[in-house]
Amino acid sequence: MRRTLHALAALALATAALTAMGTGNAGAADGSWAGCPSGAVCVYPQNQNPAVSPSDVYWSYGAHNLSNQYGNHWVLNNQTGGAHAHLCRGSGGADCGYDIAAQNGVYADLGPINSITLDRP
C-alpha cells in the first residue's frame, strides 16, 4: 500500500511538472509540445527526461497496441478539442486505467501497459 501511495505521489508530481513545462511551450506557432505535434499523442524513449523527441506518435482515434516498451516513459497527450488518451493493461484498448486529459502528460512505467487509446471528446 505504501509503495502504491509513493508511486501515485511521484506520478502526480511528475504530471504537475510536465503540465507546467507545457504551459511555457503553449505559444509554439505550430502547436507542438516537447516535439509532439498538435493533435497527436506521443510516447518518448525510456528514461528520456525531460521529454524532447518522441519515439512513437499516434494520430488516429481508437486503440494502439504497444510493443517492446519497458520502464519509464513520458506519454504526452497533445490532442486538441478536449480529446483524452488512456493507458491500458490489455491489448486493443482493454482494461484501461490512467486517463490523460488533452494538453497533459504522464511519466509512467509502460511495462504493464499494452495499449494506448485516443478517445474523442
Protein backbone atom coordinates (compact mmCIF):
# COMPACT_ATOMS: atom_id res chain seq x y z
CA MET A 1 0.00 0.00 0.00
CA ARG A 2 2.78 2.41 0.94
CA ARG A 3 4.61 1.63 -2.30
CA THR A 4 1.45 2.36 -4.30
CA LEU A 5 0.94 5.67 -2.49
CA HIS A 6 4.55 6.70 -3.16
CA ALA A 7 4.17 5.79 -6.85
CA LEU A 8 0.94 7.81 -7.10
CA ALA A 9 2.55 10.79 -5.37
CA ALA A 10 5.53 10.66 -7.73
CA LEU A 11 3.17 10.38 -10.70
CA ALA A 12 1.16 13.40 -9.55
CA LEU A 13 4.32 15.46 -9.04
CA ALA A 14 5.69 14.48 -12.47
CA THR A 15 2.36 15.29 -14.13
CA ALA A 16 2.25 18.70 -12.44
CA ALA A 17 5.81 19.44 -13.53
CA LEU A 18 5.09 18.41 -17.11
CA THR A 19 1.89 20.45 -17.23
CA ALA A 20 3.83 23.50 -16.03
CA MET A 21 6.53 22.79 -18.64
CA GLY A 22 3.87 22.51 -21.33
CA THR A 23 2.39 25.86 -20.45
CA GLY A 24 5.66 27.50 -21.45
CA ASN A 25 5.54 25.79 -24.84
CA ALA A 26 1.87 26.59 -25.45
CA GLY A 27 2.87 29.53 -27.65
CA ALA A 28 4.65 27.39 -30.28
CA ALA A 29 3.44 28.55 -33.68
CA ASP A 30 2.76 25.01 -34.90
CA GLY A 31 1.14 23.86 -31.62
CA SER A 32 3.87 21.32 -30.92
CA TRP A 33 4.82 20.50 -27.35
CA ALA A 34 8.17 18.89 -26.50
CA GLY A 35 8.41 17.69 -30.09
CA CYS A 36 4.88 16.23 -30.06
CA PRO A 37 2.81 17.65 -32.93
CA SER A 38 -0.53 19.30 -32.25
CA GLY A 39 -3.32 16.71 -32.47
CA ALA A 40 -1.14 13.72 -31.55
CA VAL A 41 -0.32 11.51 -28.57
CA CYS A 42 3.40 10.85 -28.22
CA VAL A 43 5.48 8.25 -26.40
CA TYR A 44 9.10 9.15 -25.65
CA PRO A 45 12.09 6.80 -25.33
CA GLN A 46 12.67 5.10 -21.99
CA ASN A 47 14.10 7.42 -19.33
CA GLN A 48 14.19 10.47 -21.64
CA ASN A 49 13.60 13.15 -19.06
CA PRO A 50 12.67 15.79 -19.92
CA ALA A 51 10.65 14.75 -22.95
CA VAL A 52 12.38 16.07 -26.08
CA SER A 53 11.91 13.82 -29.12
CA PRO A 54 9.12 11.21 -29.34
CA SER A 55 9.81 7.65 -30.44
CA ASP A 56 6.13 6.95 -31.27
CA VAL A 57 3.44 9.35 -32.49
CA TYR A 58 -0.24 8.35 -32.67
CA TRP A 59 -2.78 10.35 -34.64
CA SER A 60 -5.97 8.32 -35.06
CA TYR A 61 -8.72 7.71 -32.53
CA GLY A 62 -9.02 4.19 -31.16
CA ALA A 63 -6.63 1.66 -29.65
CA HIS A 64 -2.94 1.40 -30.48
CA ASN A 65 -1.03 -1.66 -29.25
CA LEU A 66 2.44 -1.11 -27.80
CA SER A 67 5.39 -3.44 -28.18
CA ASN A 68 8.83 -3.51 -26.57
CA GLN A 69 8.03 -0.64 -24.21
CA TYR A 70 9.54 -1.18 -20.76
CA GLY A 71 10.46 1.15 -17.93
CA ASN A 72 9.54 4.80 -17.52
CA HIS A 73 8.39 6.86 -20.49
CA TRP A 74 6.74 10.22 -20.93
CA VAL A 75 3.38 9.97 -22.67
CA LEU A 76 2.06 13.37 -23.80
CA ASN A 77 -1.48 14.00 -24.98
CA ASN A 78 -1.21 16.96 -27.35
CA GLN A 79 -4.62 16.32 -28.89
CA THR A 80 -6.96 19.24 -29.39
CA GLY A 81 -10.62 19.80 -28.62
CA GLY A 82 -10.54 18.06 -25.24
CA ALA A 83 -9.73 14.57 -26.54
CA HIS A 84 -8.40 12.13 -23.93
CA ALA A 85 -5.88 9.30 -24.04
CA HIS A 86 -5.85 6.22 -21.79
CA LEU A 87 -3.12 3.79 -20.79
CA CYS A 88 -4.47 0.23 -20.91
CA ARG A 89 -3.17 -3.03 -19.44
CA GLY A 90 -4.82 -5.14 -22.14
CA SER A 91 -4.23 -5.11 -25.87
CA GLY A 92 -6.75 -3.47 -28.16
CA GLY A 93 -7.70 -0.90 -25.53
CA ALA A 94 -8.87 -3.36 -22.83
CA ASP A 95 -8.59 -2.73 -19.07
CA CYS A 96 -7.84 0.97 -19.38
CA GLY A 97 -6.88 2.84 -16.27
CA TYR A 98 -4.92 6.06 -16.36
CA ASP A 99 -6.75 8.90 -18.12
CA ILE A 100 -4.61 11.61 -19.72
CA ALA A 101 -6.58 14.76 -20.46
CA ALA A 102 -5.72 16.90 -23.50
CA GLN A 103 -2.62 19.05 -23.06
CA ASN A 104 -1.36 16.83 -20.22
CA GLY A 105 1.19 14.09 -19.84
CA VAL A 106 2.35 11.35 -17.53
CA TYR A 107 5.70 9.73 -16.73
CA ALA A 108 4.74 6.08 -16.38
CA ASP A 109 6.16 2.57 -16.33
CA LEU A 110 4.93 1.13 -19.62
CA GLY A 111 5.97 -2.43 -18.74
CA PRO A 112 2.43 -3.43 -17.69
CA ILE A 113 0.83 -1.22 -20.37
CA ASN A 114 -0.09 -3.00 -23.62
CA SER A 115 -2.07 -0.32 -25.45
CA ILE A 116 -3.00 3.34 -25.59
CA THR A 117 -6.35 4.68 -26.68
CA LEU A 118 -7.03 8.06 -28.24
CA ASP A 119 -10.62 9.00 -27.45
CA ARG A 120 -12.92 11.62 -28.96
CA PRO A 121 -14.21 14.25 -26.55
